[in-house]
Structure formats: structure tokens, C-alpha cells
Amino acid sequence: MNNANTLLLPFVIVAFACSSPPAGEQPQVEGPPPGGTIDKAMVARLEEDARALAKTEGCAGTGECKAAPMGAKACGGPRAWIVYCPLTTDEVALTRKLDELREAEERYNRESGLVSDCALLTEPRVELNNGVCRAAP
């Protein structure tokens, strides 16, 4: 082996050793599939899943109701807000689903070259009406 090959060998070994996770260990992937295509139907399914997780009944007072940002506009910021009762909603599962939806919609918007009105949607005032959390008119 000549000197150039001897000097390069350790770098090549390190490069290949760092290129993939150890056997049996899979990297954690959240949100949309990294190589797959995001389409409008997938975004709609994720929104439907989030809405199913957000329970609006079960709170005793308006102060218990919450709102969370949902989706993503092409210019940035949420596309909508979802209102829920944290006493009957699994907030961890809802937050994960909303994050997954936001990531998928951001990617869909970017890959599709979509634009939006760039209007800022502020968090709605929430209220309890007949035992149901909702956005106040």
C-alpha cells in the first residue's frame, strides 16, 4: 500500500462507520414519510384524525377550554385553530397528531408550490356553551 492509501484508509472507515445506525436500531421518524409523497388526501386524513382526538365536551367552565393551532399556511402560521376540553382529550396524542399534520402540510405546500393569503390567524377566544367547548363568535 502506498502512503496516500494508508493515510486515507482511517477516514474511509470512519465515514462508513458513521453512515448508518447500528444493527437492530432504527431511527425514529415522526410525521410524514421522508421519501414518500404527501398529497392533499393525506393532509385531510391527518386533520380528520386530529379532530377525532379533540374532545369538546367534559369541561365545567370556559376557563378549562383550550385552543391549539392546526395545519400550516403556505406563508407560515396555522391554517386554523382547534378547540378542545383538556379534561377529556389526550393532549399528548393531540399535540403529536397536530405536529404531524403541520409537518405534512408544510411539506405539501412547499412541494406543490402553493401560496396563501398570508393573513395571520390569531388564537380564538374560547367559551363553554351548553357543556361544549367552542370558539366564541
N, C-alpha and C. Protein backbone atom coordinates (compact mmCIF):
# COMPACT_ATOMS: atom_id res chain seq x y z
N MET A 1 0.85 -1.18 0.00
CA MET A 1 0.00 0.00 0.00
C MET A 1 0.89 1.23 0.00
N ASN A 2 0.53 2.22 -0.80
CA ASN A 2 1.35 3.43 -0.81
C ASN A 2 0.89 4.36 0.32
N ASN A 3 1.63 5.43 0.55
CA ASN A 3 1.36 6.34 1.66
C ASN A 3 -0.01 7.02 1.56
N ALA A 4 -0.44 7.38 0.36
CA ALA A 4 -1.73 8.06 0.18
C ALA A 4 -2.87 7.15 0.61
N ASN A 5 -2.82 5.88 0.22
CA ASN A 5 -3.86 4.93 0.61
C ASN A 5 -3.85 4.70 2.11
N THR A 6 -2.68 4.61 2.69
CA THR A 6 -2.56 4.40 4.13
C THR A 6 -3.15 5.57 4.90
N LEU A 7 -2.95 6.78 4.41
CA LEU A 7 -3.48 7.96 5.08
C LEU A 7 -5.00 8.07 4.93
N LEU A 8 -5.53 7.65 3.80
CA LEU A 8 -6.97 7.76 3.54
C LEU A 8 -7.79 6.66 4.21
N LEU A 9 -7.21 5.51 4.45
CA LEU A 9 -7.94 4.38 4.99
C LEU A 9 -8.69 4.70 6.28
N PRO A 10 -8.09 5.35 7.29
CA PRO A 10 -8.85 5.65 8.51
C PRO A 10 -10.06 6.56 8.25
N PHE A 11 -9.93 7.50 7.33
CA PHE A 11 -11.05 8.40 7.03
C PHE A 11 -12.20 7.65 6.36
N VAL A 12 -11.86 6.73 5.48
CA VAL A 12 -12.88 5.93 4.80
C VAL A 12 -13.61 5.06 5.81
N ILE A 13 -12.88 4.45 6.72
CA ILE A 13 -13.50 3.60 7.75
C ILE A 13 -14.45 4.42 8.61
N VAL A 14 -14.03 5.59 9.05
CA VAL A 14 -14.86 6.45 9.88
C VAL A 14 -16.11 6.89 9.11
N ALA A 15 -15.96 7.23 7.86
CA ALA A 15 -17.10 7.69 7.06
C ALA A 15 -18.15 6.60 6.94
N PHE A 16 -17.73 5.35 6.69
CA PHE A 16 -18.70 4.27 6.58
C PHE A 16 -19.27 3.89 7.94
N ALA A 17 -18.51 4.00 8.98
CA ALA A 17 -18.99 3.66 10.31
C ALA A 17 -20.06 4.64 10.77
N CYS A 18 -20.00 5.89 10.32
CA CYS A 18 -20.95 6.91 10.75
C CYS A 18 -22.15 7.03 9.82
N SER A 19 -22.18 6.26 8.74
CA SER A 19 -23.23 6.48 7.74
C SER A 19 -24.55 5.80 8.05
N SER A 20 -24.61 4.84 8.94
CA SER A 20 -25.88 4.19 9.22
C SER A 20 -25.96 3.83 10.70
N PRO A 21 -27.20 3.65 11.22
CA PRO A 21 -27.35 3.30 12.62
C PRO A 21 -26.86 1.88 12.87
N PRO A 22 -26.51 1.56 14.12
CA PRO A 22 -26.07 0.21 14.45
C PRO A 22 -27.16 -0.80 14.10
N ALA A 23 -26.76 -2.05 13.87
CA ALA A 23 -27.71 -3.10 13.51
C ALA A 23 -28.79 -3.21 14.58
N GLY A 24 -30.02 -3.38 14.15
CA GLY A 24 -31.14 -3.52 15.08
C GLY A 24 -31.71 -2.21 15.56
N GLU A 25 -31.06 -1.11 15.29
CA GLU A 25 -31.53 0.21 15.73
C GLU A 25 -32.08 0.96 14.53
N GLN A 26 -33.34 1.31 14.59
CA GLN A 26 -33.95 2.08 13.51
C GLN A 26 -34.11 3.52 13.97
N PRO A 27 -33.83 4.48 13.11
CA PRO A 27 -34.02 5.87 13.50
C PRO A 27 -35.49 6.16 13.71
N GLN A 28 -35.82 7.00 14.71
CA GLN A 28 -37.19 7.40 15.00
C GLN A 28 -37.62 8.42 13.96
N VAL A 29 -38.70 8.12 13.26
CA VAL A 29 -39.22 9.04 12.26
C VAL A 29 -40.63 9.43 12.66
N GLU A 30 -40.87 10.72 12.83
CA GLU A 30 -42.20 11.21 13.13
C GLU A 30 -42.67 12.05 11.96
N GLY A 31 -43.97 12.14 11.82
CA GLY A 31 -44.52 12.98 10.77
C GLY A 31 -44.58 12.25 9.45
N PRO A 32 -44.60 13.00 8.39
CA PRO A 32 -44.76 12.41 7.07
C PRO A 32 -43.57 11.56 6.67
N PRO A 33 -43.79 10.56 5.81
CA PRO A 33 -42.68 9.71 5.38
C PRO A 33 -41.62 10.54 4.66
N PRO A 34 -40.34 10.36 5.02
CA PRO A 34 -39.29 11.19 4.46
C PRO A 34 -39.16 11.09 2.94
N GLY A 35 -39.37 9.92 2.37
CA GLY A 35 -39.20 9.79 0.93
C GLY A 35 -40.52 9.72 0.18
N GLY A 36 -41.60 9.53 0.92
CA GLY A 36 -42.90 9.38 0.29
C GLY A 36 -43.51 10.69 -0.15
N THR A 37 -44.56 10.56 -0.91
CA THR A 37 -45.25 11.74 -1.41
C THR A 37 -46.34 12.15 -0.44
N ILE A 38 -46.46 13.44 -0.22
CA ILE A 38 -47.54 13.98 0.59
C ILE A 38 -48.59 14.51 -0.38
N ASP A 39 -49.82 14.05 -0.21
CA ASP A 39 -50.88 14.58 -1.06
C ASP A 39 -51.98 15.20 -0.19
N LYS A 40 -52.91 15.86 -0.84
CA LYS A 40 -53.98 16.55 -0.14
C LYS A 40 -54.81 15.57 0.69
N ALA A 41 -54.99 14.35 0.19
CA ALA A 41 -55.77 13.33 0.91
C ALA A 41 -55.08 12.96 2.22
N MET A 42 -53.75 12.87 2.21
CA MET A 42 -53.02 12.55 3.44
C MET A 42 -53.19 13.67 4.46
N VAL A 43 -53.09 14.91 4.01
CA VAL A 43 -53.29 16.06 4.90
C VAL A 43 -54.70 16.03 5.48
N ALA A 44 -55.68 15.72 4.65
CA ALA A 44 -57.08 15.66 5.10
C ALA A 44 -57.27 14.55 6.13
N ARG A 45 -56.62 13.39 5.92
CA ARG A 45 -56.72 12.29 6.89
C ARG A 45 -56.12 12.68 8.23
N LEU A 46 -54.97 13.35 8.20
CA LEU A 46 -54.33 13.79 9.44
C LEU A 46 -55.21 14.79 10.18
N GLU A 47 -55.85 15.70 9.44
CA GLU A 47 -56.75 16.66 10.08
C GLU A 47 -57.95 15.94 10.68
N GLU A 48 -58.49 14.97 9.97
CA GLU A 48 -59.62 14.19 10.48
C GLU A 48 -59.22 13.47 11.77
N ASP A 49 -58.02 12.89 11.79
CA ASP A 49 -57.52 12.21 12.99
C ASP A 49 -57.40 13.18 14.16
N ALA A 50 -56.89 14.37 13.89
CA ALA A 50 -56.73 15.38 14.95
C ALA A 50 -58.10 15.79 15.49
N ARG A 51 -59.05 16.01 14.60
CA ARG A 51 -60.40 16.40 15.03
C ARG A 51 -61.04 15.31 15.87
N ALA A 52 -60.78 14.05 15.54
CA ALA A 52 -61.33 12.93 16.31
C ALA A 52 -60.72 12.88 17.71
N LEU A 53 -59.47 13.29 17.85
CA LEU A 53 -58.81 13.28 19.16
C LEU A 53 -59.26 14.44 20.05
N ALA A 54 -59.69 15.53 19.45
CA ALA A 54 -60.07 16.74 20.20
C ALA A 54 -61.51 16.62 20.69
N LYS A 55 -61.66 16.31 21.96
CA LYS A 55 -62.99 16.19 22.57
C LYS A 55 -63.42 17.56 23.06
N THR A 56 -64.62 17.95 22.74
CA THR A 56 -65.10 19.29 23.11
C THR A 56 -66.00 19.27 24.34
N GLU A 57 -66.44 18.11 24.76
CA GLU A 57 -67.32 18.02 25.93
C GLU A 57 -66.53 17.57 27.15
N GLY A 58 -67.05 17.91 28.35
CA GLY A 58 -66.44 17.44 29.59
C GLY A 58 -65.90 18.52 30.49
N CYS A 59 -65.80 19.74 30.02
CA CYS A 59 -65.31 20.83 30.85
C CYS A 59 -66.48 21.45 31.63
N ALA A 60 -66.17 22.02 32.80
CA ALA A 60 -67.20 22.63 33.65
C ALA A 60 -67.27 24.14 33.48
N GLY A 61 -66.20 24.74 32.96
CA GLY A 61 -66.18 26.20 32.80
C GLY A 61 -65.36 26.61 31.60
N THR A 62 -65.63 27.80 31.12
CA THR A 62 -64.93 28.33 29.94
C THR A 62 -63.42 28.34 30.14
N GLY A 63 -62.97 28.62 31.37
CA GLY A 63 -61.54 28.69 31.66
C GLY A 63 -60.80 27.38 31.45
N GLU A 64 -61.53 26.29 31.37
CA GLU A 64 -60.90 24.98 31.15
C GLU A 64 -60.69 24.67 29.67
N CYS A 65 -61.44 25.30 28.79
CA CYS A 65 -61.35 25.04 27.35
C CYS A 65 -60.04 25.59 26.80
N LYS A 66 -59.51 24.93 25.78
CA LYS A 66 -58.25 25.36 25.14
C LYS A 66 -58.39 25.36 23.63
N ALA A 67 -57.47 26.06 22.98
CA ALA A 67 -57.38 26.06 21.52
C ALA A 67 -55.94 25.76 21.13
N ALA A 68 -55.76 25.06 20.02
CA ALA A 68 -54.42 24.72 19.53
C ALA A 68 -54.35 25.01 18.03
N PRO A 69 -53.17 25.44 17.54
CA PRO A 69 -53.02 25.69 16.11
C PRO A 69 -53.10 24.39 15.32
N MET A 70 -53.69 24.47 14.13
CA MET A 70 -53.87 23.27 13.31
C MET A 70 -53.47 23.55 11.87
N GLY A 71 -52.66 22.66 11.31
CA GLY A 71 -52.25 22.78 9.92
C GLY A 71 -51.22 23.86 9.72
N ALA A 72 -50.99 24.19 8.45
CA ALA A 72 -49.98 25.20 8.11
C ALA A 72 -50.37 25.91 6.83
N LYS A 73 -50.30 27.23 6.87
CA LYS A 73 -50.49 28.02 5.65
C LYS A 73 -49.18 28.03 4.88
N ALA A 74 -49.28 28.25 3.60
CA ALA A 74 -48.07 28.27 2.76
C ALA A 74 -47.10 29.38 3.18
N CYS A 75 -47.63 30.49 3.67
CA CYS A 75 -46.78 31.60 4.11
C CYS A 75 -46.24 31.40 5.53
N GLY A 76 -46.75 30.40 6.22
CA GLY A 76 -46.38 30.15 7.61
C GLY A 76 -47.55 30.43 8.53
N GLY A 77 -47.46 29.90 9.71
CA GLY A 77 -48.54 30.07 10.68
C GLY A 77 -49.63 29.03 10.48
N PRO A 78 -50.51 28.90 11.48
CA PRO A 78 -51.56 27.89 11.40
C PRO A 78 -52.63 28.24 10.35
N ARG A 79 -53.20 27.19 9.77
CA ARG A 79 -54.29 27.36 8.81
C ARG A 79 -55.61 27.53 9.55
N ALA A 80 -55.70 26.97 10.76
CA ALA A 80 -56.93 27.03 11.56
C ALA A 80 -56.57 26.79 13.02
N TRP A 81 -57.56 26.86 13.87
CA TRP A 81 -57.41 26.54 15.29
C TRP A 81 -58.43 25.48 15.65
N ILE A 82 -58.07 24.60 16.57
CA ILE A 82 -58.99 23.57 17.02
C ILE A 82 -59.23 23.78 18.51
N VAL A 83 -60.48 23.73 18.93
CA VAL A 83 -60.87 23.95 20.32
C VAL A 83 -61.16 22.60 20.95
N TYR A 84 -60.74 22.42 22.21
CA TYR A 84 -60.95 21.14 22.88
C TYR A 84 -61.01 21.31 24.39
N CYS A 85 -61.49 20.27 25.06
CA CYS A 85 -61.52 20.22 26.52
C CYS A 85 -60.37 19.33 26.97
N PRO A 86 -59.38 19.87 27.69
CA PRO A 86 -58.23 19.07 28.09
C PRO A 86 -58.57 17.99 29.13
N LEU A 87 -59.72 18.09 29.76
CA LEU A 87 -60.11 17.08 30.75
C LEU A 87 -60.51 15.77 30.09
N THR A 88 -60.98 15.82 28.86
CA THR A 88 -61.44 14.62 28.16
C THR A 88 -60.62 14.31 26.91
N THR A 89 -59.64 15.14 26.62
CA THR A 89 -58.79 14.97 25.44
C THR A 89 -57.41 14.50 25.87
N ASP A 90 -56.86 13.53 25.19
CA ASP A 90 -55.47 13.12 25.42
C ASP A 90 -54.60 14.17 24.74
N GLU A 91 -54.13 15.15 25.54
CA GLU A 91 -53.39 16.28 24.97
C GLU A 91 -52.08 15.86 24.33
N VAL A 92 -51.43 14.84 24.87
CA VAL A 92 -50.17 14.37 24.29
C VAL A 92 -50.43 13.81 22.89
N ALA A 93 -51.45 12.96 22.76
CA ALA A 93 -51.77 12.38 21.45
C ALA A 93 -52.22 13.47 20.48
N LEU A 94 -53.02 14.42 20.96
CA LEU A 94 -53.49 15.51 20.10
C LEU A 94 -52.32 16.36 19.62
N THR A 95 -51.42 16.71 20.53
CA THR A 95 -50.26 17.52 20.17
C THR A 95 -49.39 16.81 19.13
N ARG A 96 -49.18 15.52 19.31
CA ARG A 96 -48.39 14.75 18.34
C ARG A 96 -49.06 14.75 16.97
N LYS A 97 -50.37 14.54 16.97
CA LYS A 97 -51.10 14.50 15.69
C LYS A 97 -51.08 15.87 15.02
N LEU A 98 -51.23 16.93 15.81
CA LEU A 98 -51.19 18.29 15.25
C LEU A 98 -49.81 18.61 14.70
N ASP A 99 -48.76 18.15 15.38
CA ASP A 99 -47.39 18.34 14.87
C ASP A 99 -47.20 17.58 13.55
N GLU A 100 -47.71 16.36 13.51
CA GLU A 100 -47.61 15.55 12.29
C GLU A 100 -48.36 16.22 11.14
N LEU A 101 -49.54 16.75 11.44
CA LEU A 101 -50.33 17.46 10.43
C LEU A 101 -49.59 18.70 9.93
N ARG A 102 -49.05 19.48 10.86
CA ARG A 102 -48.32 20.70 10.48
C ARG A 102 -47.14 20.37 9.57
N GLU A 103 -46.35 19.36 9.96
CA GLU A 103 -45.19 18.97 9.16
C GLU A 103 -45.60 18.49 7.77
N ALA A 104 -46.67 17.69 7.71
CA ALA A 104 -47.14 17.17 6.42
C ALA A 104 -47.65 18.30 5.54
N GLU A 105 -48.42 19.22 6.14
CA GLU A 105 -48.98 20.31 5.33
C GLU A 105 -47.90 21.29 4.89
N GLU A 106 -46.91 21.56 5.75
CA GLU A 106 -45.79 22.42 5.34
C GLU A 106 -45.08 21.81 4.14
N ARG A 107 -44.85 20.51 4.21
CA ARG A 107 -44.15 19.82 3.12
C ARG A 107 -45.01 19.80 1.86
N TYR A 108 -46.30 19.52 2.02
CA TYR A 108 -47.21 19.52 0.88
C TYR A 108 -47.23 20.89 0.21
N ASN A 109 -47.34 21.94 1.01
CA ASN A 109 -47.35 23.31 0.47
C ASN A 109 -46.07 23.61 -0.30
N ARG A 110 -44.94 23.24 0.29
CA ARG A 110 -43.64 23.50 -0.32
C ARG A 110 -43.47 22.71 -1.62
N GLU A 111 -43.78 21.41 -1.58
CA GLU A 111 -43.60 20.56 -2.76
C GLU A 111 -44.58 20.90 -3.87
N SER A 112 -45.74 21.42 -3.51
CA SER A 112 -46.76 21.76 -4.51
C SER A 112 -46.63 23.19 -5.01
N GLY A 113 -45.74 23.96 -4.38
CA GLY A 113 -45.56 25.36 -4.77
C GLY A 113 -46.77 26.23 -4.45
N LEU A 114 -47.51 25.86 -3.41
CA LEU A 114 -48.72 26.61 -3.06
C LEU A 114 -48.39 27.95 -2.42
N VAL A 115 -49.31 28.88 -2.55
CA VAL A 115 -49.22 30.18 -1.89
C VAL A 115 -50.51 30.38 -1.12
N SER A 116 -50.48 31.29 -0.15
CA SER A 116 -51.70 31.58 0.61
C SER A 116 -51.83 33.08 0.78
N ASP A 117 -52.88 33.49 1.46
CA ASP A 117 -53.14 34.92 1.64
C ASP A 117 -52.23 35.56 2.69
N CYS A 118 -51.49 34.77 3.43
CA CYS A 118 -50.54 35.24 4.44
C CYS A 118 -51.21 36.00 5.59
N ALA A 119 -52.52 35.91 5.70
CA ALA A 119 -53.22 36.55 6.82
C ALA A 119 -52.90 35.78 8.11
N LEU A 120 -52.67 36.51 9.17
CA LEU A 120 -52.37 35.91 10.46
C LEU A 120 -53.67 35.50 11.14
N LEU A 121 -53.78 34.22 11.46
CA LEU A 121 -54.94 33.73 12.20
C LEU A 121 -54.60 33.74 13.68
N THR A 122 -55.23 34.62 14.43
CA THR A 122 -54.95 34.71 15.85
C THR A 122 -55.74 33.64 16.60
N GLU A 123 -55.23 33.28 17.75
CA GLU A 123 -55.90 32.28 18.58
C GLU A 123 -57.30 32.77 18.94
N PRO A 124 -58.30 31.92 18.76
CA PRO A 124 -59.66 32.36 19.06
C PRO A 124 -59.91 32.43 20.56
N ARG A 125 -60.87 33.23 20.93
CA ARG A 125 -61.36 33.23 22.31
C ARG A 125 -62.27 32.02 22.41
N VAL A 126 -62.09 31.24 23.46
CA VAL A 126 -62.89 30.03 23.62
C VAL A 126 -63.96 30.24 24.68
N GLU A 127 -65.03 29.48 24.55
CA GLU A 127 -66.12 29.55 25.52
C GLU A 127 -66.72 28.17 25.70
N LEU A 128 -67.45 28.02 26.79
CA LEU A 128 -68.20 26.80 27.05
C LEU A 128 -69.66 27.13 26.82
N ASN A 129 -70.28 26.43 25.89
CA ASN A 129 -71.67 26.69 25.54
C ASN A 129 -72.44 25.38 25.65
N ASN A 130 -73.35 25.31 26.63
CA ASN A 130 -74.13 24.08 26.87
C ASN A 130 -73.22 22.87 27.06
N GLY A 131 -72.13 23.05 27.81
CA GLY A 131 -71.22 21.95 28.11
C GLY A 131 -70.24 21.60 27.01
N VAL A 132 -70.18 22.41 25.95
CA VAL A 132 -69.30 22.13 24.82
C VAL A 132 -68.33 23.29 24.62
N CYS A 133 -67.03 22.97 24.58
CA CYS A 133 -66.02 23.99 24.29
C CYS A 133 -66.11 24.34 22.81
N ARG A 134 -66.04 25.64 22.52
CA ARG A 134 -66.08 26.09 21.13
C ARG A 134 -65.42 27.46 21.03
N ALA A 135 -65.12 27.85 19.80
CA ALA A 135 -64.59 29.19 19.56
C ALA A 135 -65.74 30.17 19.70
N ALA A 136 -65.50 31.24 20.43
CA ALA A 136 -66.54 32.27 20.61
C ALA A 136 -66.72 33.01 19.29
N PRO A 137 -67.97 33.38 18.99
CA PRO A 137 -68.22 34.12 17.74
C PRO A 137 -67.61 35.52 17.78
